[in-house]
Amino acid sequence: MAAMAERSEVLRQIGELAPAHVARPVRLEQRLVEDLGLDSVGLLTLAVAVEDHFRICLEPEDEEGIRTVGDLVRVVEGKLGG
């Protein structure tokens, strides 16, 4: 149950960081490009905002596997967990 609460909190915070044109609330299954309409600048802006907010570093290999909001939440949780 605690993991679900943590996931909800990370998801909520990512939703707040998402660029203004992204529909809220964001859902785990939404694809960043196809569903949320993020272009390369929007993706970069979101990545930098996530790194700054959570004080993590998204490596290129992390970014390659991020296609959905859920993927991003999973990577952030992994970085926060150690």
PDB file of N, CA and C in Angstrom:
ATOM      1  N   MET A   1       0.826  -1.190   0.000  1.00  0.00           N
ATOM      2  CA  MET A   1       0.000   0.000   0.000  1.00  0.00           C
ATOM      3  C   MET A   1       0.872   1.255   0.000  1.00  0.00           C
ATOM      4  N   ALA A   2       1.984   1.243   0.723  1.00  0.00           N
ATOM      5  CA  ALA A   2       2.862   2.410   0.777  1.00  0.00           C
ATOM      6  C   ALA A   2       3.460   2.700  -0.598  1.00  0.00           C
ATOM      7  N   ALA A   3       3.783   1.649  -1.365  1.00  0.00           N
ATOM      8  CA  ALA A   3       4.340   1.853  -2.699  1.00  0.00           C
ATOM      9  C   ALA A   3       3.323   2.541  -3.607  1.00  0.00           C
ATOM     10  N   MET A   4       2.050   2.182  -3.470  1.00  0.00           N
ATOM     11  CA  MET A   4       1.011   2.818  -4.280  1.00  0.00           C
ATOM     12  C   MET A   4       0.859   4.281  -3.894  1.00  0.00           C
ATOM     13  N   ALA A   5       0.929   4.580  -2.600  1.00  0.00           N
ATOM     14  CA  ALA A   5       0.838   5.970  -2.148  1.00  0.00           C
ATOM     15  C   ALA A   5       2.022   6.762  -2.676  1.00  0.00           C
ATOM     16  N   GLU A   6       3.214   6.166  -2.645  1.00  0.00           N
ATOM     17  CA  GLU A   6       4.410   6.834  -3.156  1.00  0.00           C
ATOM     18  C   GLU A   6       4.269   7.075  -4.659  1.00  0.00           C
ATOM     19  N   ARG A   7       3.759   6.082  -5.375  1.00  0.00           N
ATOM     20  CA  ARG A   7       3.562   6.218  -6.819  1.00  0.00           C
ATOM     21  C   ARG A   7       2.586   7.344  -7.104  1.00  0.00           C
ATOM     22  N   SER A   8       1.504   7.427  -6.345  1.00  0.00           N
ATOM     23  CA  SER A   8       0.520   8.483  -6.532  1.00  0.00           C
ATOM     24  C   SER A   8       1.149   9.853  -6.300  1.00  0.00           C
ATOM     25  N   GLU A   9       2.018   9.952  -5.315  1.00  0.00           N
ATOM     26  CA  GLU A   9       2.663  11.229  -5.005  1.00  0.00           C
ATOM     27  C   GLU A   9       3.634  11.626  -6.120  1.00  0.00           C
ATOM     28  N   VAL A  10       4.424  10.686  -6.611  1.00  0.00           N
ATOM     29  CA  VAL A  10       5.344  10.974  -7.714  1.00  0.00           C
ATOM     30  C   VAL A  10       4.535  11.361  -8.944  1.00  0.00           C
ATOM     31  N   LEU A  11       3.458  10.652  -9.235  1.00  0.00           N
ATOM     32  CA  LEU A  11       2.611  10.967 -10.377  1.00  0.00           C
ATOM     33  C   LEU A  11       2.013  12.370 -10.231  1.00  0.00           C
ATOM     34  N   ARG A  12       1.539  12.704  -9.057  1.00  0.00           N
ATOM     35  CA  ARG A  12       0.953  14.020  -8.821  1.00  0.00           C
ATOM     36  C   ARG A  12       1.987  15.111  -9.070  1.00  0.00           C
ATOM     37  N   GLN A  13       3.188  14.904  -8.546  1.00  0.00           N
ATOM     38  CA  GLN A  13       4.233  15.914  -8.701  1.00  0.00           C
ATOM     39  C   GLN A  13       4.659  16.062 -10.159  1.00  0.00           C
ATOM     40  N   ILE A  14       4.735  14.955 -10.884  1.00  0.00           N
ATOM     41  CA  ILE A  14       5.077  15.024 -12.305  1.00  0.00           C
ATOM     42  C   ILE A  14       3.981  15.777 -13.059  1.00  0.00           C
ATOM     43  N   GLY A  15       2.729  15.540 -12.700  1.00  0.00           N
ATOM     44  CA  GLY A  15       1.627  16.272 -13.320  1.00  0.00           C
ATOM     45  C   GLY A  15       1.745  17.765 -13.119  1.00  0.00           C
ATOM     46  N   GLU A  16       2.224  18.165 -11.954  1.00  0.00           N
ATOM     47  CA  GLU A  16       2.409  19.592 -11.679  1.00  0.00           C
ATOM     48  C   GLU A  16       3.590  20.174 -12.451  1.00  0.00           C
ATOM     49  N   LEU A  17       4.560  19.337 -12.756  1.00  0.00           N
ATOM     50  CA  LEU A  17       5.746  19.798 -13.476  1.00  0.00           C
ATOM     51  C   LEU A  17       5.539  19.847 -14.984  1.00  0.00           C
ATOM     52  N   ALA A  18       4.568  19.088 -15.466  1.00  0.00           N
ATOM     53  CA  ALA A  18       4.344  18.987 -16.909  1.00  0.00           C
ATOM     54  C   ALA A  18       4.039  20.368 -17.488  1.00  0.00           C
ATOM     55  N   PRO A  19       4.478  20.583 -18.714  1.00  0.00           N
ATOM     56  CA  PRO A  19       4.201  21.876 -19.357  1.00  0.00           C
ATOM     57  C   PRO A  19       2.713  22.202 -19.341  1.00  0.00           C
ATOM     58  N   ALA A  20       2.406  23.467 -19.418  1.00  0.00           N
ATOM     59  CA  ALA A  20       1.035  23.962 -19.269  1.00  0.00           C
ATOM     60  C   ALA A  20       0.060  23.350 -20.267  1.00  0.00           C
ATOM     61  N   HIS A  21       0.518  22.965 -21.450  1.00  0.00           N
ATOM     62  CA  HIS A  21      -0.406  22.450 -22.454  1.00  0.00           C
ATOM     63  C   HIS A  21      -0.757  20.984 -22.270  1.00  0.00           C
ATOM     64  N   VAL A  22      -0.190  20.335 -21.262  1.00  0.00           N
ATOM     65  CA  VAL A  22      -0.496  18.931 -21.000  1.00  0.00           C
ATOM     66  C   VAL A  22      -1.757  18.851 -20.152  1.00  0.00           C
ATOM     67  N   ALA A  23      -2.672  17.986 -20.586  1.00  0.00           N
ATOM     68  CA  ALA A  23      -3.929  17.810 -19.846  1.00  0.00           C
ATOM     69  C   ALA A  23      -3.644  17.278 -18.446  1.00  0.00           C
ATOM     70  N   ARG A  24      -4.409  17.763 -17.500  1.00  0.00           N
ATOM     71  CA  ARG A  24      -4.273  17.289 -16.128  1.00  0.00           C
ATOM     72  C   ARG A  24      -5.573  16.682 -15.686  1.00  0.00           C
ATOM     73  N   PRO A  25      -5.589  15.705 -14.868  1.00  0.00           N
ATOM     74  CA  PRO A  25      -4.402  15.043 -14.329  1.00  0.00           C
ATOM     75  C   PRO A  25      -3.798  14.079 -15.351  1.00  0.00           C
ATOM     76  N   VAL A  26      -2.507  13.896 -15.257  1.00  0.00           N
ATOM     77  CA  VAL A  26      -1.847  12.927 -16.128  1.00  0.00           C
ATOM     78  C   VAL A  26      -2.119  11.539 -15.566  1.00  0.00           C
ATOM     79  N   ARG A  27      -2.141  10.559 -16.471  1.00  0.00           N
ATOM     80  CA  ARG A  27      -2.392   9.171 -16.074  1.00  0.00           C
ATOM     81  C   ARG A  27      -1.198   8.316 -16.469  1.00  0.00           C
ATOM     82  N   LEU A  28      -0.973   7.256 -15.727  1.00  0.00           N
ATOM     83  CA  LEU A  28       0.190   6.395 -15.948  1.00  0.00           C
ATOM     84  C   LEU A  28       0.274   5.861 -17.368  1.00  0.00           C
ATOM     85  N   GLU A  29      -0.852   5.543 -17.981  1.00  0.00           N
ATOM     86  CA  GLU A  29      -0.838   4.907 -19.297  1.00  0.00           C
ATOM     87  C   GLU A  29      -0.639   5.894 -20.454  1.00  0.00           C
ATOM     88  N   GLN A  30      -0.670   7.189 -20.182  1.00  0.00           N
ATOM     89  CA  GLN A  30      -0.530   8.165 -21.255  1.00  0.00           C
ATOM     90  C   GLN A  30       0.880   8.162 -21.826  1.00  0.00           C
ATOM     91  N   ARG A  31       0.946   8.167 -23.165  1.00  0.00           N
ATOM     92  CA  ARG A  31       2.231   8.251 -23.861  1.00  0.00           C
ATOM     93  C   ARG A  31       2.626   9.717 -23.948  1.00  0.00           C
ATOM     94  N   LEU A  32       3.881  10.001 -23.679  1.00  0.00           N
ATOM     95  CA  LEU A  32       4.354  11.384 -23.619  1.00  0.00           C
ATOM     96  C   LEU A  32       4.210  12.114 -24.954  1.00  0.00           C
ATOM     97  N   VAL A  33       4.544  11.449 -26.037  1.00  0.00           N
ATOM     98  CA  VAL A  33       4.500  12.101 -27.346  1.00  0.00           C
ATOM     99  C   VAL A  33       3.108  11.969 -27.964  1.00  0.00           C
ATOM    100  N   GLU A  34       2.630  10.754 -28.103  1.00  0.00           N
ATOM    101  CA  GLU A  34       1.380  10.517 -28.825  1.00  0.00           C
ATOM    102  C   GLU A  34       0.152  11.049 -28.100  1.00  0.00           C
ATOM    103  N   ASP A  35       0.075  10.846 -26.784  1.00  0.00           N
ATOM    104  CA  ASP A  35      -1.124  11.230 -26.040  1.00  0.00           C
ATOM    105  C   ASP A  35      -1.039  12.644 -25.469  1.00  0.00           C
ATOM    106  N   LEU A  36       0.126  13.014 -24.965  1.00  0.00           N
ATOM    107  CA  LEU A  36       0.270  14.322 -24.340  1.00  0.00           C
ATOM    108  C   LEU A  36       0.766  15.385 -25.323  1.00  0.00           C
ATOM    109  N   GLY A  37       1.203  14.940 -26.492  1.00  0.00           N
ATOM    110  CA  GLY A  37       1.598  15.884 -27.528  1.00  0.00           C
ATOM    111  C   GLY A  37       2.907  16.605 -27.271  1.00  0.00           C
ATOM    112  N   LEU A  38       3.776  16.016 -26.449  1.00  0.00           N
ATOM    113  CA  LEU A  38       5.063  16.664 -26.192  1.00  0.00           C
ATOM    114  C   LEU A  38       5.986  16.490 -27.394  1.00  0.00           C
ATOM    115  N   ASP A  39       6.599  17.579 -27.827  1.00  0.00           N
ATOM    116  CA  ASP A  39       7.609  17.501 -28.871  1.00  0.00           C
ATOM    117  C   ASP A  39       8.968  17.414 -28.195  1.00  0.00           C
ATOM    118  N   SER A  40      10.048  17.497 -28.971  1.00  0.00           N
ATOM    119  CA  SER A  40      11.386  17.337 -28.391  1.00  0.00           C
ATOM    120  C   SER A  40      11.677  18.411 -27.345  1.00  0.00           C
ATOM    121  N   VAL A  41      11.234  19.632 -27.582  1.00  0.00           N
ATOM    122  CA  VAL A  41      11.453  20.704 -26.603  1.00  0.00           C
ATOM    123  C   VAL A  41      10.626  20.437 -25.338  1.00  0.00           C
ATOM    124  N   GLY A  42       9.391  20.008 -25.495  1.00  0.00           N
ATOM    125  CA  GLY A  42       8.546  19.692 -24.345  1.00  0.00           C
ATOM    126  C   GLY A  42       9.103  18.547 -23.518  1.00  0.00           C
ATOM    127  N   LEU A  43       9.626  17.524 -24.206  1.00  0.00           N
ATOM    128  CA  LEU A  43      10.234  16.392 -23.494  1.00  0.00           C
ATOM    129  C   LEU A  43      11.462  16.841 -22.711  1.00  0.00           C
ATOM    130  N   LEU A  44      12.301  17.667 -23.341  1.00  0.00           N
ATOM    131  CA  LEU A  44      13.501  18.160 -22.675  1.00  0.00           C
ATOM    132  C   LEU A  44      13.134  19.031 -21.475  1.00  0.00           C
ATOM    133  N   THR A  45      12.145  19.888 -21.661  1.00  0.00           N
ATOM    134  CA  THR A  45      11.699  20.756 -20.571  1.00  0.00           C
ATOM    135  C   THR A  45      11.189  19.931 -19.397  1.00  0.00           C
ATOM    136  N   LEU A  46      10.395  18.914 -19.700  1.00  0.00           N
ATOM    137  CA  LEU A  46       9.872  18.048 -18.640  1.00  0.00           C
ATOM    138  C   LEU A  46      11.004  17.283 -17.956  1.00  0.00           C
ATOM    139  N   ALA A  47      11.949  16.761 -18.731  1.00  0.00           N
ATOM    140  CA  ALA A  47      13.069  16.011 -18.149  1.00  0.00           C
ATOM    141  C   ALA A  47      13.880  16.886 -17.193  1.00  0.00           C
ATOM    142  N   VAL A  48      14.170  18.103 -17.608  1.00  0.00           N
ATOM    143  CA  VAL A  48      14.941  19.016 -16.752  1.00  0.00           C
ATOM    144  C   VAL A  48      14.148  19.355 -15.493  1.00  0.00           C
ATOM    145  N   ALA A  49      12.863  19.604 -15.641  1.00  0.00           N
ATOM    146  CA  ALA A  49      12.022  19.923 -14.480  1.00  0.00           C
ATOM    147  C   ALA A  49      11.970  18.756 -13.502  1.00  0.00           C
ATOM    148  N   VAL A  50      11.861  17.532 -14.030  1.00  0.00           N
ATOM    149  CA  VAL A  50      11.833  16.336 -13.173  1.00  0.00           C
ATOM    150  C   VAL A  50      13.170  16.185 -12.449  1.00  0.00           C
ATOM    151  N   GLU A  51      14.269  16.345 -13.174  1.00  0.00           N
ATOM    152  CA  GLU A  51      15.591  16.232 -12.551  1.00  0.00           C
ATOM    153  C   GLU A  51      15.765  17.266 -11.437  1.00  0.00           C
ATOM    154  N   ASP A  52      15.396  18.488 -11.720  1.00  0.00           N
ATOM    155  CA  ASP A  52      15.540  19.556 -10.721  1.00  0.00           C
ATOM    156  C   ASP A  52      14.639  19.325  -9.512  1.00  0.00           C
ATOM    157  N   HIS A  53      13.387  18.981  -9.766  1.00  0.00           N
ATOM    158  CA  HIS A  53      12.422  18.824  -8.679  1.00  0.00           C
ATOM    159  C   HIS A  53      12.787  17.662  -7.754  1.00  0.00           C
ATOM    160  N   PHE A  54      13.103  16.525  -8.349  1.00  0.00           N
ATOM    161  CA  PHE A  54      13.380  15.325  -7.549  1.00  0.00           C
ATOM    162  C   PHE A  54      14.858  15.188  -7.187  1.00  0.00           C
ATOM    163  N   ARG A  55      15.697  16.094  -7.706  1.00  0.00           N
ATOM    164  CA  ARG A  55      17.141  16.065  -7.465  1.00  0.00           C
ATOM    165  C   ARG A  55      17.750  14.717  -7.865  1.00  0.00           C
ATOM    166  N   ILE A  56      17.437  14.339  -9.115  1.00  0.00           N
ATOM    167  CA  ILE A  56      17.957  13.105  -9.692  1.00  0.00           C
ATOM    168  C   ILE A  56      18.600  13.447 -11.031  1.00  0.00           C
ATOM    169  N   CYS A  57      19.275  12.487 -11.608  1.00  0.00           N
ATOM    170  CA  CYS A  57      19.860  12.651 -12.931  1.00  0.00           C
ATOM    171  C   CYS A  57      19.314  11.546 -13.829  1.00  0.00           C
ATOM    172  N   LEU A  58      18.623  11.932 -14.887  1.00  0.00           N
ATOM    173  CA  LEU A  58      18.129  10.964 -15.858  1.00  0.00           C
ATOM    174  C   LEU A  58      19.238  10.709 -16.868  1.00  0.00           C
ATOM    175  N   GLU A  59      19.712   9.491 -16.897  1.00  0.00           N
ATOM    176  CA  GLU A  59      20.775   9.100 -17.816  1.00  0.00           C
ATOM    177  C   GLU A  59      20.171   8.813 -19.186  1.00  0.00           C
ATOM    178  N   PRO A  60      20.970   8.896 -20.256  1.00  0.00           N
ATOM    179  CA  PRO A  60      20.440   8.588 -21.590  1.00  0.00           C
ATOM    180  C   PRO A  60      19.770   7.214 -21.659  1.00  0.00           C
ATOM    181  N   GLU A  61      20.334   6.232 -20.975  1.00  0.00           N
ATOM    182  CA  GLU A  61      19.717   4.900 -21.000  1.00  0.00           C
ATOM    183  C   GLU A  61      18.368   4.878 -20.266  1.00  0.00           C
ATOM    184  N   ASP A  62      18.201   5.743 -19.264  1.00  0.00           N
ATOM    185  CA  ASP A  62      16.895   5.881 -18.605  1.00  0.00           C
ATOM    186  C   ASP A  62      15.892   6.477 -19.584  1.00  0.00           C
ATOM    187  N   GLU A  63      16.311   7.527 -20.260  1.00  0.00           N
ATOM    188  CA  GLU A  63      15.423   8.262 -21.154  1.00  0.00           C
ATOM    189  C   GLU A  63      14.962   7.416 -22.334  1.00  0.00           C
ATOM    190  N   GLU A  64      15.816   6.490 -22.797  1.00  0.00           N
ATOM    191  CA  GLU A  64      15.458   5.623 -23.912  1.00  0.00           C
ATOM    192  C   GLU A  64      14.257   4.747 -23.600  1.00  0.00           C
ATOM    193  N   GLY A  65      14.079   4.388 -22.335  1.00  0.00           N
ATOM    194  CA  GLY A  65      12.988   3.502 -21.945  1.00  0.00           C
ATOM    195  C   GLY A  65      11.736   4.221 -21.494  1.00  0.00           C
ATOM    196  N   ILE A  66      11.723   5.531 -21.559  1.00  0.00           N
ATOM    197  CA  ILE A  66      10.569   6.294 -21.084  1.00  0.00           C
ATOM    198  C   ILE A  66       9.692   6.666 -22.274  1.00  0.00           C
ATOM    199  N   ARG A  67       8.549   6.027 -22.345  1.00  0.00           N
ATOM    200  CA  ARG A  67       7.578   6.319 -23.404  1.00  0.00           C
ATOM    201  C   ARG A  67       6.260   6.827 -22.823  1.00  0.00           C
ATOM    202  N   THR A  68       5.957   6.392 -21.594  1.00  0.00           N
ATOM    203  CA  THR A  68       4.684   6.762 -20.966  1.00  0.00           C
ATOM    204  C   THR A  68       4.939   7.490 -19.647  1.00  0.00           C
ATOM    205  N   VAL A  69       3.899   8.099 -19.132  1.00  0.00           N
ATOM    206  CA  VAL A  69       3.990   8.723 -17.811  1.00  0.00           C
ATOM    207  C   VAL A  69       4.366   7.661 -16.777  1.00  0.00           C
ATOM    208  N   GLY A  70       3.805   6.465 -16.901  1.00  0.00           N
ATOM    209  CA  GLY A  70       4.137   5.376 -15.985  1.00  0.00           C
ATOM    210  C   GLY A  70       5.603   5.003 -16.023  1.00  0.00           C
ATOM    211  N   ASP A  71       6.191   5.001 -17.222  1.00  0.00           N
ATOM    212  CA  ASP A  71       7.631   4.731 -17.344  1.00  0.00           C
ATOM    213  C   ASP A  71       8.431   5.786 -16.589  1.00  0.00           C
ATOM    214  N   LEU A  72       8.032   7.046 -16.738  1.00  0.00           N
ATOM    215  CA  LEU A  72       8.730   8.133 -16.072  1.00  0.00           C
ATOM    216  C   LEU A  72       8.601   7.994 -14.556  1.00  0.00           C
ATOM    217  N   VAL A  73       7.405   7.680 -14.084  1.00  0.00           N
ATOM    218  CA  VAL A  73       7.185   7.497 -12.645  1.00  0.00           C
ATOM    219  C   VAL A  73       8.066   6.358 -12.135  1.00  0.00           C
ATOM    220  N   ARG A  74       8.122   5.250 -12.870  1.00  0.00           N
ATOM    221  CA  ARG A  74       8.932   4.092 -12.470  1.00  0.00           C
ATOM    222  C   ARG A  74      10.407   4.462 -12.368  1.00  0.00           C
ATOM    223  N   VAL A  75      10.920   5.205 -13.341  1.00  0.00           N
ATOM    224  CA  VAL A  75      12.330   5.606 -13.327  1.00  0.00           C
ATOM    225  C   VAL A  75      12.609   6.540 -12.157  1.00  0.00           C
ATOM    226  N   VAL A  76      11.718   7.502 -11.930  1.00  0.00           N
ATOM    227  CA  VAL A  76      11.905   8.428 -10.807  1.00  0.00           C
ATOM    228  C   VAL A  76      11.888   7.668  -9.492  1.00  0.00           C
ATOM    229  N   GLU A  77      10.934   6.762  -9.331  1.00  0.00           N
ATOM    230  CA  GLU A  77      10.879   5.968  -8.092  1.00  0.00           C
ATOM    231  C   GLU A  77      12.152   5.168  -7.904  1.00  0.00           C
ATOM    232  N   GLY A  78      12.676   4.595  -8.993  1.00  0.00           N
ATOM    233  CA  GLY A  78      13.920   3.832  -8.909  1.00  0.00           C
ATOM    234  C   GLY A  78      15.098   4.699  -8.476  1.00  0.00           C
ATOM    235  N   LYS A  79      15.157   5.909  -9.009  1.00  0.00           N
ATOM    236  CA  LYS A  79      16.230   6.832  -8.638  1.00  0.00           C
ATOM    237  C   LYS A  79      16.093   7.273  -7.178  1.00  0.00           C
ATOM    238  N   LEU A  80      14.868   7.493  -6.740  1.00  0.00           N
ATOM    239  CA  LEU A  80      14.654   7.932  -5.353  1.00  0.00           C
ATOM    240  C   LEU A  80      14.899   6.810  -4.358  1.00  0.00           C
ATOM    241  N   GLY A  81      14.671   5.575  -4.807  1.00  0.00           N
ATOM    242  CA  GLY A  81      14.828   4.430  -3.921  1.00  0.00           C
ATOM    243  C   GLY A  81      16.259   3.970  -3.765  1.00  0.00           C
ATOM    244  N   GLY A  82      17.167   4.537  -4.503  1.00  0.00           N
ATOM    245  CA  GLY A  82      18.554   4.153  -4.331  1.00  0.00           C
ATOM    246  C   GLY A  82      19.194   3.849  -5.601  1.00  0.00           C
TER     247      GLY A  82
END
